[in-house]
Amino acid sequence: MHFEVHHSHRWDVSPKEAVVIQRALAAEVRIEPLPQRVETIAGVDVSIRGDLAQAAIVVLRFPELDVIDRAVWRAEVPFPYIPGLLSFREMPVILPALERLSVRPDVLMTDSQGLAHPRRFGLACHLGVMLDRPTLGVAKTLFVGTYAEPAPAKGSQSALIDKKSGDLLGTVLRTRANVKPVYVSIGHRITLDEAVALALACSPRFKIPEPTRQAHLLSRDANFGF
């Protein structure tokens, strides 16, 4: 499945150059309602062990959450681990994996941040802008921002706010009762309300939404030795 790449750039850059690219492309993020009814949603995840990275994409039918397609791509890790520059470490592996799909998903869900990022350009934004596809980030850990703890019931949520600017960065969402929340933020071409609704609808049993949970399992497939 071919995905047209927009705003193409080099990946073999220095950390300073990567920050410049992020700041430039952050202006391309669009916050807008989903362009169509969601019938398929893909989870995106990358596992890294040593010098190797394996990206996994799992496409699920929505709202049934049946797996209908999956793909992996393995390569050497292309970029060092630097907080805030995750996309330069993972995107060069994710993009070839997407090309191996036979189904074009309506929405991409990443196990990462979107706007909840110091430069408002986490991996979910980078992926969405490059492919011009609706994208959201559902992260397991807090990166930036502050919030009030949501109530313990499933579906409870609170606003994730930038301490300095007061900007709304995302939503802290309880996808399972009495379990630590996840951090949902816009990637591209989606509203925050839609992103939260999708994350919750995709979490019938576990804390991690099913698309990214399935992608994580595949990225650590035993055949890869993880």
C-alpha atoms as a PDB file:
ATOM      1  CA  MET A   1       0.000   0.000   0.000  1.00  0.00           C
ATOM      2  CA  HIS A   2       1.643   3.226  -1.131  1.00  0.00           C
ATOM      3  CA  PHE A   3       1.429   6.298   1.102  1.00  0.00           C
ATOM      4  CA  GLU A   4       2.319   9.621  -0.444  1.00  0.00           C
ATOM      5  CA  VAL A   5       4.916  11.427   1.668  1.00  0.00           C
ATOM      6  CA  HIS A   6       4.409  15.155   2.195  1.00  0.00           C
ATOM      7  CA  HIS A   7       7.037  17.556   3.569  1.00  0.00           C
ATOM      8  CA  SER A   8       9.840  15.079   2.926  1.00  0.00           C
ATOM      9  CA  HIS A   9      13.191  15.695   4.613  1.00  0.00           C
ATOM     10  CA  ARG A  10      16.433  13.891   5.472  1.00  0.00           C
ATOM     11  CA  TRP A  11      16.593  11.661   8.530  1.00  0.00           C
ATOM     12  CA  ASP A  12      20.387  11.572   8.866  1.00  0.00           C
ATOM     13  CA  VAL A  13      20.567  14.917  10.652  1.00  0.00           C
ATOM     14  CA  SER A  14      22.085  16.260  13.840  1.00  0.00           C
ATOM     15  CA  PRO A  15      19.908  16.784  16.934  1.00  0.00           C
ATOM     16  CA  LYS A  16      20.002  20.558  16.341  1.00  0.00           C
ATOM     17  CA  GLU A  17      18.859  20.084  12.749  1.00  0.00           C
ATOM     18  CA  ALA A  18      16.097  17.735  13.936  1.00  0.00           C
ATOM     19  CA  VAL A  19      14.750  20.419  16.274  1.00  0.00           C
ATOM     20  CA  VAL A  20      14.707  22.934  13.403  1.00  0.00           C
ATOM     21  CA  ILE A  21      12.734  20.454  11.278  1.00  0.00           C
ATOM     22  CA  GLN A  22      10.239  19.862  14.099  1.00  0.00           C
ATOM     23  CA  ARG A  23       9.654  23.572  14.605  1.00  0.00           C
ATOM     24  CA  ALA A  24       9.095  24.113  10.896  1.00  0.00           C
ATOM     25  CA  LEU A  25       6.721  21.178  10.447  1.00  0.00           C
ATOM     26  CA  ALA A  26       4.752  21.924  13.630  1.00  0.00           C
ATOM     27  CA  ALA A  27       3.081  24.738  11.693  1.00  0.00           C
ATOM     28  CA  GLU A  28       1.603  22.114   9.327  1.00  0.00           C
ATOM     29  CA  VAL A  29      -0.428  20.294  12.011  1.00  0.00           C
ATOM     30  CA  ARG A  30      -4.162  20.679  11.396  1.00  0.00           C
ATOM     31  CA  ILE A  31      -6.755  20.313  14.133  1.00  0.00           C
ATOM     32  CA  GLU A  32     -10.021  19.524  12.391  1.00  0.00           C
ATOM     33  CA  PRO A  33     -12.840  16.964  12.474  1.00  0.00           C
ATOM     34  CA  LEU A  34     -12.161  13.555  10.983  1.00  0.00           C
ATOM     35  CA  PRO A  35     -12.810  13.643   7.240  1.00  0.00           C
ATOM     36  CA  GLN A  36     -14.863  10.436   7.204  1.00  0.00           C
ATOM     37  CA  ARG A  37     -16.428   7.772   9.357  1.00  0.00           C
ATOM     38  CA  VAL A  38     -13.758   5.587  10.930  1.00  0.00           C
ATOM     39  CA  GLU A  39     -13.985   1.998   9.709  1.00  0.00           C
ATOM     40  CA  THR A  40     -10.338   0.979  10.165  1.00  0.00           C
ATOM     41  CA  ILE A  41      -7.696   2.084  12.646  1.00  0.00           C
ATOM     42  CA  ALA A  42      -4.012   1.132  12.722  1.00  0.00           C
ATOM     43  CA  GLY A  43      -1.797   0.839  15.762  1.00  0.00           C
ATOM     44  CA  VAL A  44       1.847   1.824  15.306  1.00  0.00           C
ATOM     45  CA  ASP A  45       4.681   0.748  17.603  1.00  0.00           C
ATOM     46  CA  VAL A  46       8.452   0.246  17.481  1.00  0.00           C
ATOM     47  CA  SER A  47      10.559  -2.020  19.671  1.00  0.00           C
ATOM     48  CA  ILE A  48      14.297  -1.524  19.903  1.00  0.00           C
ATOM     49  CA  ARG A  49      16.853  -3.983  21.179  1.00  0.00           C
ATOM     50  CA  GLY A  50      20.501  -3.189  20.814  1.00  0.00           C
ATOM     51  CA  ASP A  51      21.181  -1.811  17.350  1.00  0.00           C
ATOM     52  CA  LEU A  52      17.992  -3.183  15.777  1.00  0.00           C
ATOM     53  CA  ALA A  53      14.526  -1.690  15.575  1.00  0.00           C
ATOM     54  CA  GLN A  54      11.327  -3.409  14.492  1.00  0.00           C
ATOM     55  CA  ALA A  55       8.291  -1.360  13.549  1.00  0.00           C
ATOM     56  CA  ALA A  56       4.889  -3.019  13.610  1.00  0.00           C
ATOM     57  CA  ILE A  57       1.601  -1.835  12.135  1.00  0.00           C
ATOM     58  CA  VAL A  58      -1.639  -3.636  12.997  1.00  0.00           C
ATOM     59  CA  VAL A  59      -4.885  -2.596  11.292  1.00  0.00           C
ATOM     60  CA  LEU A  60      -8.153  -3.284  13.087  1.00  0.00           C
ATOM     61  CA  ARG A  61     -11.727  -3.018  11.887  1.00  0.00           C
ATOM     62  CA  PHE A  62     -13.590  -0.390  13.919  1.00  0.00           C
ATOM     63  CA  PRO A  63     -15.574  -0.632  16.141  1.00  0.00           C
ATOM     64  CA  GLU A  64     -15.318  -4.443  16.178  1.00  0.00           C
ATOM     65  CA  LEU A  65     -11.520  -4.326  16.746  1.00  0.00           C
ATOM     66  CA  ASP A  66     -10.853  -7.426  14.638  1.00  0.00           C
ATOM     67  CA  VAL A  67      -7.337  -7.566  13.185  1.00  0.00           C
ATOM     68  CA  ILE A  68      -7.506  -7.349   9.376  1.00  0.00           C
ATOM     69  CA  ASP A  69      -3.911  -6.543   8.391  1.00  0.00           C
ATOM     70  CA  ARG A  70      -0.428  -6.372   9.863  1.00  0.00           C
ATOM     71  CA  ALA A  71       3.082  -5.555   8.731  1.00  0.00           C
ATOM     72  CA  VAL A  72       6.581  -5.278  10.164  1.00  0.00           C
ATOM     73  CA  TRP A  73       9.873  -3.725   9.111  1.00  0.00           C
ATOM     74  CA  ARG A  74      13.255  -4.310  10.702  1.00  0.00           C
ATOM     75  CA  ALA A  75      16.327  -2.105  10.371  1.00  0.00           C
ATOM     76  CA  GLU A  76      19.289  -0.720  12.248  1.00  0.00           C
ATOM     77  CA  VAL A  77      18.424   2.044  14.699  1.00  0.00           C
ATOM     78  CA  PRO A  78      18.963   5.244  12.695  1.00  0.00           C
ATOM     79  CA  PHE A  79      19.145   7.887  15.442  1.00  0.00           C
ATOM     80  CA  PRO A  80      20.278   8.091  19.091  1.00  0.00           C
ATOM     81  CA  TYR A  81      17.817   8.197  21.971  1.00  0.00           C
ATOM     82  CA  ILE A  82      17.175  11.865  22.733  1.00  0.00           C
ATOM     83  CA  PRO A  83      14.007  12.909  24.613  1.00  0.00           C
ATOM     84  CA  GLY A  84      11.767  14.936  22.308  1.00  0.00           C
ATOM     85  CA  LEU A  85      13.290  13.528  19.118  1.00  0.00           C
ATOM     86  CA  LEU A  86      11.680  10.079  19.151  1.00  0.00           C
ATOM     87  CA  SER A  87      10.278  10.460  15.643  1.00  0.00           C
ATOM     88  CA  PHE A  88      13.780  10.661  14.144  1.00  0.00           C
ATOM     89  CA  ARG A  89      14.575   7.344  15.822  1.00  0.00           C
ATOM     90  CA  GLU A  90      11.383   5.530  14.825  1.00  0.00           C
ATOM     91  CA  MET A  91       9.872   7.090  11.690  1.00  0.00           C
ATOM     92  CA  PRO A  92      12.538   5.731   9.299  1.00  0.00           C
ATOM     93  CA  VAL A  93      11.431   2.247  10.399  1.00  0.00           C
ATOM     94  CA  ILE A  94       7.695   2.971  10.545  1.00  0.00           C
ATOM     95  CA  LEU A  95       7.372   4.347   7.009  1.00  0.00           C
ATOM     96  CA  PRO A  96       8.651   1.167   5.251  1.00  0.00           C
ATOM     97  CA  ALA A  97       6.388  -0.955   7.467  1.00  0.00           C
ATOM     98  CA  LEU A  98       3.350   1.046   6.361  1.00  0.00           C
ATOM     99  CA  GLU A  99       4.235   0.362   2.723  1.00  0.00           C
ATOM    100  CA  ARG A 100       3.807  -3.359   3.384  1.00  0.00           C
ATOM    101  CA  LEU A 101       0.143  -3.025   4.353  1.00  0.00           C
ATOM    102  CA  SER A 102      -2.598  -4.137   1.974  1.00  0.00           C
ATOM    103  CA  VAL A 103      -5.248  -1.991   3.721  1.00  0.00           C
ATOM    104  CA  ARG A 104      -5.125   1.805   3.994  1.00  0.00           C
ATOM    105  CA  PRO A 105      -6.297   2.657   7.535  1.00  0.00           C
ATOM    106  CA  ASP A 106      -8.607   5.601   8.151  1.00  0.00           C
ATOM    107  CA  VAL A 107      -6.762   6.614  11.323  1.00  0.00           C
ATOM    108  CA  LEU A 108      -3.274   5.967  12.716  1.00  0.00           C
ATOM    109  CA  MET A 109      -2.786   5.571  16.479  1.00  0.00           C
ATOM    110  CA  THR A 110       0.763   5.776  17.816  1.00  0.00           C
ATOM    111  CA  ASP A 111       2.232   4.696  21.130  1.00  0.00           C
ATOM    112  CA  SER A 112       3.688   8.190  21.579  1.00  0.00           C
ATOM    113  CA  GLN A 113       2.912  11.860  22.031  1.00  0.00           C
ATOM    114  CA  GLY A 114       1.277  14.205  19.549  1.00  0.00           C
ATOM    115  CA  LEU A 115       0.832  17.844  20.561  1.00  0.00           C
ATOM    116  CA  ALA A 116       1.802  16.932  24.140  1.00  0.00           C
ATOM    117  CA  HIS A 117       5.408  17.686  23.276  1.00  0.00           C
ATOM    118  CA  PRO A 118       7.759  20.618  24.072  1.00  0.00           C
ATOM    119  CA  ARG A 119       7.635  21.810  20.444  1.00  0.00           C
ATOM    120  CA  ARG A 120       4.051  20.594  19.861  1.00  0.00           C
ATOM    121  CA  PHE A 121       5.362  18.027  17.408  1.00  0.00           C
ATOM    122  CA  GLY A 122       5.599  14.524  18.815  1.00  0.00           C
ATOM    123  CA  LEU A 123       5.827  11.386  16.702  1.00  0.00           C
ATOM    124  CA  ALA A 124       2.046  11.278  16.117  1.00  0.00           C
ATOM    125  CA  CYS A 125       2.186  14.778  14.612  1.00  0.00           C
ATOM    126  CA  HIS A 126       5.257  13.979  12.518  1.00  0.00           C
ATOM    127  CA  LEU A 127       3.662  10.834  11.101  1.00  0.00           C
ATOM    128  CA  GLY A 128       0.334  12.532  10.448  1.00  0.00           C
ATOM    129  CA  VAL A 129       1.845  15.573   8.734  1.00  0.00           C
ATOM    130  CA  MET A 130       4.179  13.497   6.549  1.00  0.00           C
ATOM    131  CA  LEU A 131       1.368  11.233   5.374  1.00  0.00           C
ATOM    132  CA  ASP A 132      -1.421  13.824   5.667  1.00  0.00           C
ATOM    133  CA  ARG A 133      -3.485  11.200   7.501  1.00  0.00           C
ATOM    134  CA  PRO A 134      -5.621  11.499  10.668  1.00  0.00           C
ATOM    135  CA  THR A 135      -3.367  10.560  13.573  1.00  0.00           C
ATOM    136  CA  LEU A 136      -3.515  10.530  17.355  1.00  0.00           C
ATOM    137  CA  GLY A 137      -1.000   9.763  20.058  1.00  0.00           C
ATOM    138  CA  VAL A 138      -1.781   7.613  23.096  1.00  0.00           C
ATOM    139  CA  ALA A 139       1.209   7.621  25.428  1.00  0.00           C
ATOM    140  CA  LYS A 140       1.708   5.549  28.553  1.00  0.00           C
ATOM    141  CA  THR A 141       3.806   8.151  30.349  1.00  0.00           C
ATOM    142  CA  LEU A 142       3.667  11.903  30.911  1.00  0.00           C
ATOM    143  CA  PHE A 143       6.187  13.952  28.922  1.00  0.00           C
ATOM    144  CA  VAL A 144       5.110  17.574  29.361  1.00  0.00           C
ATOM    145  CA  GLY A 145       2.265  19.339  31.114  1.00  0.00           C
ATOM    146  CA  THR A 146       0.351  19.167  34.364  1.00  0.00           C
ATOM    147  CA  TYR A 147      -3.092  17.821  35.253  1.00  0.00           C
ATOM    148  CA  ALA A 148      -5.509  16.975  38.032  1.00  0.00           C
ATOM    149  CA  GLU A 149      -5.800  13.267  38.651  1.00  0.00           C
ATOM    150  CA  PRO A 150      -8.948  11.967  36.911  1.00  0.00           C
ATOM    151  CA  ALA A 151     -11.524  10.024  38.905  1.00  0.00           C
ATOM    152  CA  PRO A 152     -10.828   6.279  39.260  1.00  0.00           C
ATOM    153  CA  ALA A 153     -13.725   5.156  37.040  1.00  0.00           C
ATOM    154  CA  LYS A 154     -13.144   4.064  33.449  1.00  0.00           C
ATOM    155  CA  GLY A 155     -13.741   6.953  31.064  1.00  0.00           C
ATOM    156  CA  SER A 156     -12.778   9.619  33.587  1.00  0.00           C
ATOM    157  CA  GLN A 157     -10.576  12.337  32.158  1.00  0.00           C
ATOM    158  CA  SER A 158      -8.869  15.631  32.889  1.00  0.00           C
ATOM    159  CA  ALA A 159      -7.129  18.295  30.835  1.00  0.00           C
ATOM    160  CA  LEU A 160      -3.383  18.137  30.230  1.00  0.00           C
ATOM    161  CA  ILE A 161      -2.165  21.739  30.422  1.00  0.00           C
ATOM    162  CA  ASP A 162       1.147  23.428  29.630  1.00  0.00           C
ATOM    163  CA  LYS A 163       2.387  24.966  32.874  1.00  0.00           C
ATOM    164  CA  LYS A 164       3.855  28.091  31.291  1.00  0.00           C
ATOM    165  CA  SER A 165       1.461  28.983  28.479  1.00  0.00           C
ATOM    166  CA  GLY A 166      -1.747  27.483  29.804  1.00  0.00           C
ATOM    167  CA  ASP A 167      -2.269  25.756  26.431  1.00  0.00           C
ATOM    168  CA  LEU A 168      -4.346  22.590  26.260  1.00  0.00           C
ATOM    169  CA  LEU A 169      -1.963  19.795  25.248  1.00  0.00           C
ATOM    170  CA  GLY A 170      -4.224  16.762  25.481  1.00  0.00           C
ATOM    171  CA  THR A 171      -6.380  14.667  27.761  1.00  0.00           C
ATOM    172  CA  VAL A 172      -5.462  12.394  30.640  1.00  0.00           C
ATOM    173  CA  LEU A 173      -7.788   9.426  30.165  1.00  0.00           C
ATOM    174  CA  ARG A 174      -8.633   6.513  32.443  1.00  0.00           C
ATOM    175  CA  THR A 175      -9.154   3.618  30.029  1.00  0.00           C
ATOM    176  CA  ARG A 176      -9.545   1.092  32.844  1.00  0.00           C
ATOM    177  CA  ALA A 177     -10.914   1.595  36.346  1.00  0.00           C
ATOM    178  CA  ASN A 178      -8.366   2.084  39.134  1.00  0.00           C
ATOM    179  CA  VAL A 179      -5.439   1.834  36.708  1.00  0.00           C
ATOM    180  CA  LYS A 180      -2.950   4.565  35.750  1.00  0.00           C
ATOM    181  CA  PRO A 181      -4.280   6.767  32.925  1.00  0.00           C
ATOM    182  CA  VAL A 182      -2.973   7.252  29.404  1.00  0.00           C
ATOM    183  CA  TYR A 183      -2.146  10.567  27.743  1.00  0.00           C
ATOM    184  CA  VAL A 184      -4.093  11.288  24.565  1.00  0.00           C
ATOM    185  CA  SER A 185      -3.141  14.084  22.199  1.00  0.00           C
ATOM    186  CA  ILE A 186      -3.842  15.227  18.666  1.00  0.00           C
ATOM    187  CA  GLY A 187      -1.470  14.152  15.939  1.00  0.00           C
ATOM    188  CA  HIS A 188      -3.042  15.583  12.776  1.00  0.00           C
ATOM    189  CA  ARG A 189      -6.485  16.047  11.153  1.00  0.00           C
ATOM    190  CA  ILE A 190      -8.493  15.067  14.218  1.00  0.00           C
ATOM    191  CA  THR A 191     -10.046  16.874  17.187  1.00  0.00           C
ATOM    192  CA  LEU A 192      -9.112  16.111  20.770  1.00  0.00           C
ATOM    193  CA  ASP A 193     -12.671  14.971  21.545  1.00  0.00           C
ATOM    194  CA  GLU A 194     -12.501  12.527  18.621  1.00  0.00           C
ATOM    195  CA  ALA A 195      -9.079  11.285  19.700  1.00  0.00           C
ATOM    196  CA  VAL A 196     -10.288  10.639  23.243  1.00  0.00           C
ATOM    197  CA  ALA A 197     -13.455   8.904  22.010  1.00  0.00           C
ATOM    198  CA  LEU A 198     -11.413   6.623  19.738  1.00  0.00           C
ATOM    199  CA  ALA A 199      -8.899   5.791  22.461  1.00  0.00           C
ATOM    200  CA  LEU A 200     -11.708   4.857  24.850  1.00  0.00           C
ATOM    201  CA  ALA A 201     -13.669   2.881  22.247  1.00  0.00           C
ATOM    202  CA  CYS A 202     -10.518   0.915  21.440  1.00  0.00           C
ATOM    203  CA  SER A 203      -9.941  -0.044  25.095  1.00  0.00           C
ATOM    204  CA  PRO A 204     -12.625  -2.613  25.971  1.00  0.00           C
ATOM    205  CA  ARG A 205     -10.410  -4.710  28.272  1.00  0.00           C
ATOM    206  CA  PHE A 206      -6.923  -3.298  28.753  1.00  0.00           C
ATOM    207  CA  LYS A 207      -5.324   0.009  29.719  1.00  0.00           C
ATOM    208  CA  ILE A 208      -3.579   0.262  26.342  1.00  0.00           C
ATOM    209  CA  PRO A 209      -5.946   0.679  23.374  1.00  0.00           C
ATOM    210  CA  GLU A 210      -6.171  -2.446  21.258  1.00  0.00           C
ATOM    211  CA  PRO A 211      -4.514  -1.033  18.103  1.00  0.00           C
ATOM    212  CA  THR A 212      -1.290  -0.027  19.865  1.00  0.00           C
ATOM    213  CA  ARG A 213      -1.443  -3.028  22.200  1.00  0.00           C
ATOM    214  CA  GLN A 214      -1.536  -5.375  19.213  1.00  0.00           C
ATOM    215  CA  ALA A 215       1.208  -3.390  17.459  1.00  0.00           C
ATOM    216  CA  HIS A 216       3.400  -3.590  20.551  1.00  0.00           C
ATOM    217  CA  LEU A 217       2.990  -7.371  20.743  1.00  0.00           C
ATOM    218  CA  LEU A 218       3.894  -7.705  17.071  1.00  0.00           C
ATOM    219  CA  SER A 219       6.886  -5.369  17.361  1.00  0.00           C
ATOM    220  CA  ARG A 220       8.253  -7.703  20.038  1.00  0.00           C
ATOM    221  CA  ASP A 221       7.458 -10.874  18.086  1.00  0.00           C
ATOM    222  CA  ALA A 222       9.460 -13.880  19.232  1.00  0.00           C
ATOM    223  CA  ASN A 223      10.788 -14.375  15.697  1.00  0.00           C
ATOM    224  CA  PHE A 224      12.627 -11.110  16.174  1.00  0.00           C
ATOM    225  CA  GLY A 225      14.168 -12.358  19.396  1.00  0.00           C
ATOM    226  CA  PHE A 226      12.603  -9.724  21.664  1.00  0.00           C
END
